[in-house]
Amino acid sequence: MSPSPASHRPAPHPASVWALLFALAAGPAGWILQLVLDYGLSGYACYVGAGPRAAVSPTGWMGERAVLVGLNLAGLVLAVLGGLIAYRAWRAARIGGANPARDGRTRFMALCGVFSATGFGAAILFNTLEPFVVSTCWRIAA
């Protein structure tokens, strides 16, 4: 009996559906975390009640930039983690296994997770530069 071809050996680490779903959702979740929390904290620093603060300190509130950058980095870590899980699943499914339908689904979901993590990670990275470039409570003079 001849040995089975390399294309029919099982994948070394088959990915679970939950790992693939996490990999798909991690990039958007990191971006949403960064976007919503940054917006809320920046608004809190600039507005009291219904109107803007009369005088805003030049540095904003205590450690605002550090908090905003920390939240951005946490979102970036989440996106990168999802991308790494997706890439690992894609590589494992690319080797081939005994169930071509399952491996095709795994490859598709994993590749979508890699693209999602890359795109949303880039958006988070660009948004991380914002606290250094734009002042906290900028206003258009009337």
Protein backbone atom coordinates (compact mmCIF):
# COMPACT_ATOMS: atom_id res chain seq x y z
CA MET A 1 0.00 0.00 0.00
CA SER A 2 1.42 3.37 -0.99
CA PRO A 3 1.58 6.18 1.56
CA SER A 4 -1.20 8.73 1.41
CA PRO A 5 -0.43 11.94 -0.44
CA ALA A 6 0.64 14.93 1.62
CA SER A 7 -2.52 16.80 0.63
CA HIS A 8 -4.71 14.34 2.59
CA ARG A 9 -2.98 14.40 5.95
CA PRO A 10 -4.92 16.05 8.77
CA ALA A 11 -4.17 19.62 9.77
CA PRO A 12 -1.86 19.75 12.80
CA HIS A 13 -4.06 22.11 14.85
CA PRO A 14 -7.60 22.34 13.56
CA ALA A 15 -9.17 25.64 14.59
CA SER A 16 -12.44 25.66 16.47
CA VAL A 17 -15.34 27.73 15.20
CA TRP A 18 -15.13 29.87 18.34
CA ALA A 19 -11.47 30.68 17.72
CA LEU A 20 -12.31 31.65 14.15
CA LEU A 21 -15.22 33.83 15.27
CA PHE A 22 -12.98 35.53 17.83
CA ALA A 23 -10.35 36.11 15.15
CA LEU A 24 -12.99 37.66 12.87
CA ALA A 25 -14.43 39.91 15.59
CA ALA A 26 -11.27 40.98 17.42
CA GLY A 27 -10.25 43.73 14.97
CA PRO A 28 -13.67 45.43 14.83
CA ALA A 29 -14.11 45.00 18.60
CA GLY A 30 -10.73 46.65 19.26
CA TRP A 31 -11.65 49.54 16.98
CA ILE A 32 -15.07 50.00 18.59
CA LEU A 33 -13.48 49.89 22.06
CA GLN A 34 -10.96 52.53 21.04
CA LEU A 35 -13.45 54.74 19.22
CA VAL A 36 -16.27 54.76 21.79
CA LEU A 37 -14.12 55.08 24.90
CA ASP A 38 -11.83 57.73 23.39
CA TYR A 39 -14.81 59.79 22.27
CA GLY A 40 -16.49 59.56 25.67
CA LEU A 41 -13.38 60.40 27.67
CA SER A 42 -12.43 63.30 25.40
CA GLY A 43 -15.96 64.67 25.68
CA TYR A 44 -15.81 64.42 29.46
CA ALA A 45 -12.55 66.38 29.48
CA CYS A 46 -14.01 69.23 27.42
CA TYR A 47 -17.64 69.51 28.48
CA VAL A 48 -19.36 69.95 31.83
CA GLY A 49 -23.11 69.56 31.81
CA ALA A 50 -24.67 71.01 28.67
CA GLY A 51 -21.85 73.29 27.52
CA PRO A 52 -18.11 73.46 27.08
CA ARG A 53 -15.80 74.31 29.93
CA ALA A 54 -15.11 78.02 30.30
CA ALA A 55 -11.39 77.44 30.61
CA VAL A 56 -9.67 74.22 29.70
CA SER A 57 -6.25 73.58 31.09
CA PRO A 58 -3.60 73.24 28.36
CA THR A 59 -3.01 69.63 29.28
CA GLY A 60 -6.69 68.65 29.46
CA TRP A 61 -7.52 66.63 32.53
CA MET A 62 -5.00 64.64 34.48
CA GLY A 63 -3.22 62.13 32.28
CA GLU A 64 -5.77 62.28 29.47
CA ARG A 65 -3.28 61.57 26.71
CA ALA A 66 -1.84 58.62 28.58
CA VAL A 67 -5.32 57.15 29.12
CA LEU A 68 -6.30 57.68 25.47
CA VAL A 69 -3.09 56.15 24.16
CA GLY A 70 -3.44 53.26 26.62
CA LEU A 71 -6.97 52.53 25.38
CA ASN A 72 -5.77 52.73 21.77
CA LEU A 73 -2.95 50.30 22.49
CA ALA A 74 -5.37 47.91 24.23
CA GLY A 75 -7.56 47.95 21.12
CA LEU A 76 -4.49 47.41 18.95
CA VAL A 77 -3.40 44.44 21.06
CA LEU A 78 -6.88 42.93 20.68
CA ALA A 79 -6.76 43.35 16.89
CA VAL A 80 -3.24 41.89 16.66
CA LEU A 81 -4.22 38.94 18.84
CA GLY A 82 -7.18 38.21 16.56
CA GLY A 83 -4.90 38.50 13.52
CA LEU A 84 -2.37 36.07 14.96
CA ILE A 85 -5.06 33.52 15.80
CA ALA A 86 -6.51 33.88 12.29
CA TYR A 87 -3.09 33.54 10.66
CA ARG A 88 -2.29 30.44 12.69
CA ALA A 89 -5.63 28.86 11.72
CA TRP A 90 -5.09 29.77 8.07
CA ARG A 91 -1.63 28.17 8.02
CA ALA A 92 -2.90 25.02 9.71
CA ALA A 93 -5.84 24.66 7.30
CA ARG A 94 -3.66 25.41 4.27
CA ILE A 95 -1.75 22.17 4.80
CA GLY A 96 -4.91 20.22 4.04
CA GLY A 97 -6.92 17.67 5.91
CA ALA A 98 -9.35 14.83 5.60
CA ASN A 99 -12.41 17.09 5.31
CA PRO A 100 -12.03 19.53 2.39
CA ALA A 101 -15.34 21.32 3.13
CA ARG A 102 -14.35 22.06 6.72
CA ASP A 103 -10.84 23.10 5.72
CA GLY A 104 -12.23 25.42 3.03
CA ARG A 105 -14.48 27.10 5.59
CA THR A 106 -11.58 27.39 8.01
CA ARG A 107 -9.30 28.89 5.37
CA PHE A 108 -11.98 31.39 4.31
CA MET A 109 -12.84 32.50 7.85
CA ALA A 110 -9.20 32.67 8.87
CA LEU A 111 -8.23 34.74 5.83
CA CYS A 112 -11.15 37.09 6.48
CA GLY A 113 -9.91 37.38 10.08
CA VAL A 114 -6.41 38.28 8.88
CA PHE A 115 -7.78 40.97 6.56
CA SER A 116 -10.12 42.28 9.25
CA ALA A 117 -7.38 42.48 11.85
CA THR A 118 -5.03 44.19 9.40
CA GLY A 119 -7.55 46.84 8.32
CA PHE A 120 -8.91 47.62 11.75
CA GLY A 121 -5.42 47.47 13.27
CA ALA A 122 -4.29 50.13 10.79
CA ALA A 123 -7.29 52.30 11.71
CA ILE A 124 -6.50 51.93 15.41
CA LEU A 125 -2.85 52.76 14.77
CA PHE A 126 -3.77 55.95 12.91
CA ASN A 127 -6.20 56.92 15.68
CA THR A 128 -3.44 56.37 18.24
CA LEU A 129 -1.55 59.31 16.72
CA GLU A 130 -4.52 61.64 17.22
CA PRO A 131 -3.88 62.64 20.87
CA PHE A 132 -0.39 63.80 19.87
CA VAL A 133 -1.53 65.82 16.85
CA VAL A 134 -4.92 67.33 17.78
CA SER A 135 -5.40 69.27 20.99
CA THR A 136 -7.96 67.85 23.37
CA CYS A 137 -10.58 70.58 23.31
CA TRP A 138 -10.05 72.39 20.02
CA ARG A 139 -12.77 74.73 18.87
CA ILE A 140 -13.52 76.65 15.73
CA ALA A 141 -13.55 80.33 16.65
CA ALA A 142 -16.84 82.00 15.81
